[in-house]
Amino acid sequence: MTGMMSRVVDLEEGRLVIAAKKGFRNWVSHFGENFGVHTKLSDVSLPTLSYLAQAKDKGTFYLYDLIMNLESLGSGFDFNEISAKSKMAVIDRYLFLLDRIRFECMKRLGWVDHYPGEELSIVELITRFEEVAPGLQAKVPTLNPAHPGYKQFSSLHAFDQEAYIRRLIPMVLKKLQD
């Protein structure tokens, strides 16, 4: 039975490798970086992260394309053709991934020390979404004690800390553009 189980795992891993290769195809040609099934957000260059973090049309397309390929829903070009239920699943994963991308940018800027989910690969964040997202979304990155807003941040309740971190996003995006 053990041999059978490892063959099933190998098949699933193989499917993921192929799906990731397809999903990252447009990323590789556009960003000129290597991406694969084990790539974490910490492995991605800051210019690529900031492009994706801006959530403009093309950046959104690259994320949709990756998500849809990994979830066997076609490519990002097919987004308008899929069912409403599938669209919601793609958007949920997109918003979740966009948060992690923005948190990684905050980490690169030294605003946060770490964030929930940073140890997972981009592919895992998407393919294990149902399993990992609820726990990760319940946690908030902790502001770096060196950040000017740390004193205010640390005096807040968890719910207000999340709002505080979210209010930093426009500042992060502006800093990345400059």
Protein backbone atom coordinates (compact mmCIF):
# COMPACT_ATOMS: atom_id res chain seq x y z
CA MET A 1 0.00 0.00 0.00
CA THR A 2 2.86 2.38 0.79
CA GLY A 3 4.23 2.04 -2.76
CA MET A 4 0.81 2.89 -4.17
CA MET A 5 0.51 5.93 -1.92
CA SER A 6 3.92 7.34 -2.94
CA ARG A 7 2.99 6.84 -6.64
CA VAL A 8 -0.19 8.88 -6.06
CA VAL A 9 1.88 11.63 -4.37
CA ASP A 10 4.39 11.52 -7.26
CA LEU A 11 1.56 11.89 -9.78
CA GLU A 12 0.10 14.85 -7.89
CA GLU A 13 3.58 16.42 -7.62
CA GLY A 14 4.08 15.83 -11.36
CA ARG A 15 0.72 17.44 -12.17
CA LEU A 16 1.68 20.45 -10.04
CA VAL A 17 5.08 20.81 -11.70
CA ILE A 18 3.42 20.82 -15.15
CA ALA A 19 0.66 23.22 -14.03
CA ALA A 20 3.24 25.53 -12.41
CA LYS A 21 5.36 25.51 -15.57
CA LYS A 22 2.28 26.50 -17.60
CA GLY A 23 1.11 29.02 -15.00
CA PHE A 24 4.51 30.70 -14.75
CA ARG A 25 5.14 30.66 -18.53
CA ASN A 26 3.94 34.27 -18.96
CA TRP A 27 5.79 35.30 -15.79
CA VAL A 28 9.10 33.96 -17.13
CA SER A 29 8.71 35.74 -20.46
CA HIS A 30 7.54 39.02 -18.90
CA PHE A 31 9.71 39.24 -15.76
CA GLY A 32 12.75 37.33 -17.03
CA GLU A 33 13.10 35.38 -13.79
CA ASN A 34 12.89 31.68 -13.03
CA PHE A 35 9.77 30.55 -11.23
CA GLY A 36 8.82 27.03 -10.27
CA VAL A 37 6.77 24.85 -8.00
CA HIS A 38 9.03 25.66 -4.99
CA THR A 39 9.43 29.42 -5.59
CA LYS A 40 8.54 31.47 -2.52
CA LEU A 41 7.68 35.16 -2.57
CA SER A 42 11.03 35.75 -0.85
CA ASP A 43 12.74 34.36 -4.00
CA VAL A 44 11.04 36.88 -6.30
CA SER A 45 12.80 40.14 -7.21
CA LEU A 46 11.49 43.40 -5.72
CA PRO A 47 10.69 44.90 -9.16
CA THR A 48 8.47 41.87 -9.95
CA LEU A 49 6.81 41.96 -6.53
CA SER A 50 6.11 45.68 -6.76
CA TYR A 51 4.65 45.22 -10.26
CA LEU A 52 2.30 42.52 -8.94
CA ALA A 53 1.57 44.46 -5.72
CA GLN A 54 0.23 47.44 -7.71
CA ALA A 55 -2.68 45.18 -8.84
CA LYS A 56 -3.00 46.91 -12.21
CA ASP A 57 -4.59 45.11 -15.19
CA LYS A 58 -1.51 43.20 -16.35
CA GLY A 59 -0.36 42.32 -12.83
CA THR A 60 -3.80 40.99 -12.08
CA PHE A 61 -3.69 38.95 -15.29
CA TYR A 62 -0.40 37.26 -14.30
CA LEU A 63 -1.86 36.23 -10.93
CA TYR A 64 -5.17 35.05 -12.46
CA ASP A 65 -3.23 33.12 -15.11
CA LEU A 66 -1.14 31.32 -12.49
CA ILE A 67 -4.15 30.56 -10.26
CA MET A 68 -6.30 29.31 -13.16
CA ASN A 69 -3.53 27.06 -14.51
CA LEU A 70 -2.90 25.58 -11.04
CA GLU A 71 -6.63 25.04 -10.46
CA SER A 72 -7.12 23.48 -13.94
CA LEU A 73 -9.43 26.32 -15.05
CA GLY A 74 -7.54 27.25 -18.23
CA SER A 75 -5.43 30.38 -18.60
CA GLY A 76 -5.98 33.93 -17.38
CA PHE A 77 -7.40 34.78 -20.80
CA ASP A 78 -10.35 32.46 -20.03
CA PHE A 79 -11.36 34.27 -16.84
CA ASN A 80 -14.55 35.76 -18.31
CA GLU A 81 -15.60 32.34 -19.66
CA ILE A 82 -15.57 30.40 -16.38
CA SER A 83 -18.54 29.90 -14.04
CA ALA A 84 -19.41 32.46 -11.37
CA LYS A 85 -18.40 29.93 -8.68
CA SER A 86 -14.99 29.41 -10.31
CA LYS A 87 -14.54 33.18 -10.72
CA MET A 88 -15.14 33.62 -6.97
CA ALA A 89 -12.57 30.88 -6.20
CA VAL A 90 -10.00 32.61 -8.44
CA ILE A 91 -10.72 36.03 -6.89
CA ASP A 92 -10.46 34.62 -3.32
CA ARG A 93 -7.04 33.13 -4.12
CA TYR A 94 -6.00 36.30 -5.93
CA LEU A 95 -6.84 38.57 -2.97
CA PHE A 96 -5.13 36.17 -0.56
CA LEU A 97 -1.99 36.05 -2.72
CA LEU A 98 -2.05 39.82 -3.26
CA ASP A 99 -1.97 40.30 0.55
CA ARG A 100 1.08 37.99 0.85
CA ILE A 101 2.81 39.87 -2.02
CA ARG A 102 2.18 43.21 -0.30
CA PHE A 103 3.34 41.80 3.05
CA GLU A 104 6.54 40.56 1.36
CA CYS A 105 7.07 44.09 0.02
CA MET A 106 6.60 45.47 3.57
CA LYS A 107 9.16 42.93 4.76
CA ARG A 108 11.67 44.01 2.06
CA LEU A 109 11.19 47.63 3.13
CA GLY A 110 11.83 46.60 6.75
CA TRP A 111 8.32 47.52 7.91
CA VAL A 112 7.49 44.01 9.12
CA ASP A 113 9.86 41.24 10.26
CA HIS A 114 7.74 38.37 9.00
CA TYR A 115 4.22 37.62 7.88
CA PRO A 116 1.84 34.65 7.98
CA GLY A 117 2.45 32.20 5.13
CA GLU A 118 5.91 33.39 4.08
CA GLU A 119 7.33 29.87 4.48
CA LEU A 120 4.98 28.48 1.79
CA SER A 121 5.71 28.49 -1.93
CA ILE A 122 3.53 30.59 -4.23
CA VAL A 123 2.13 27.34 -5.67
CA GLU A 124 1.28 26.06 -2.17
CA LEU A 125 -0.46 29.33 -1.25
CA ILE A 126 -2.78 28.72 -4.21
CA THR A 127 -3.19 24.93 -4.29
CA ARG A 128 -3.53 24.59 -0.51
CA PHE A 129 -5.69 27.73 -0.22
CA GLU A 130 -8.71 26.00 1.41
CA GLU A 131 -6.42 24.41 4.00
CA VAL A 132 -4.03 27.29 4.81
CA ALA A 133 -5.90 30.53 4.07
CA PRO A 134 -8.32 30.58 7.04
CA GLY A 135 -5.51 30.27 9.60
CA LEU A 136 -3.20 32.68 7.78
CA GLN A 137 -5.90 35.29 7.20
CA ALA A 138 -6.64 35.25 10.93
CA LYS A 139 -3.07 36.37 11.68
CA VAL A 140 -1.64 39.83 11.08
CA PRO A 141 1.99 40.63 10.27
CA THR A 142 3.68 42.33 13.20
CA LEU A 143 5.08 45.76 12.58
CA ASN A 144 8.85 46.01 13.02
CA PRO A 145 9.68 47.69 16.39
CA ALA A 146 11.88 50.11 14.41
CA HIS A 147 8.88 51.32 12.37
CA PRO A 148 7.73 54.84 13.42
CA GLY A 149 4.16 53.58 13.95
CA TYR A 150 5.14 50.62 16.14
CA LYS A 151 4.14 52.19 19.48
CA GLN A 152 0.66 53.02 18.16
CA PHE A 153 0.37 49.62 16.42
CA SER A 154 1.29 47.62 19.52
CA SER A 155 -1.31 49.45 21.64
CA LEU A 156 -4.14 48.30 19.34
CA HIS A 157 -6.35 45.21 19.53
CA ALA A 158 -5.77 42.49 16.90
CA PHE A 159 -8.71 43.63 14.74
CA ASP A 160 -7.43 47.22 14.73
CA GLN A 161 -3.86 46.01 14.06
CA GLU A 162 -5.07 44.42 10.82
CA ALA A 163 -6.73 47.71 9.80
CA TYR A 164 -3.51 49.55 10.68
CA ILE A 165 -1.42 47.23 8.47
CA ARG A 166 -3.96 47.59 5.62
CA ARG A 167 -3.78 51.38 5.89
CA LEU A 168 -0.02 51.08 5.22
CA ILE A 169 -0.60 49.44 1.80
CA PRO A 170 -1.03 52.69 -0.19
CA MET A 171 2.18 54.01 1.41
CA VAL A 172 4.01 50.79 0.49
CA LEU A 173 2.79 51.00 -3.11
CA LYS A 174 3.84 54.66 -3.32
CA LYS A 175 7.29 53.89 -1.87
CA LEU A 176 7.73 51.03 -4.37
CA GLN A 177 6.82 53.32 -7.29
CA ASP A 178 9.37 55.92 -6.14
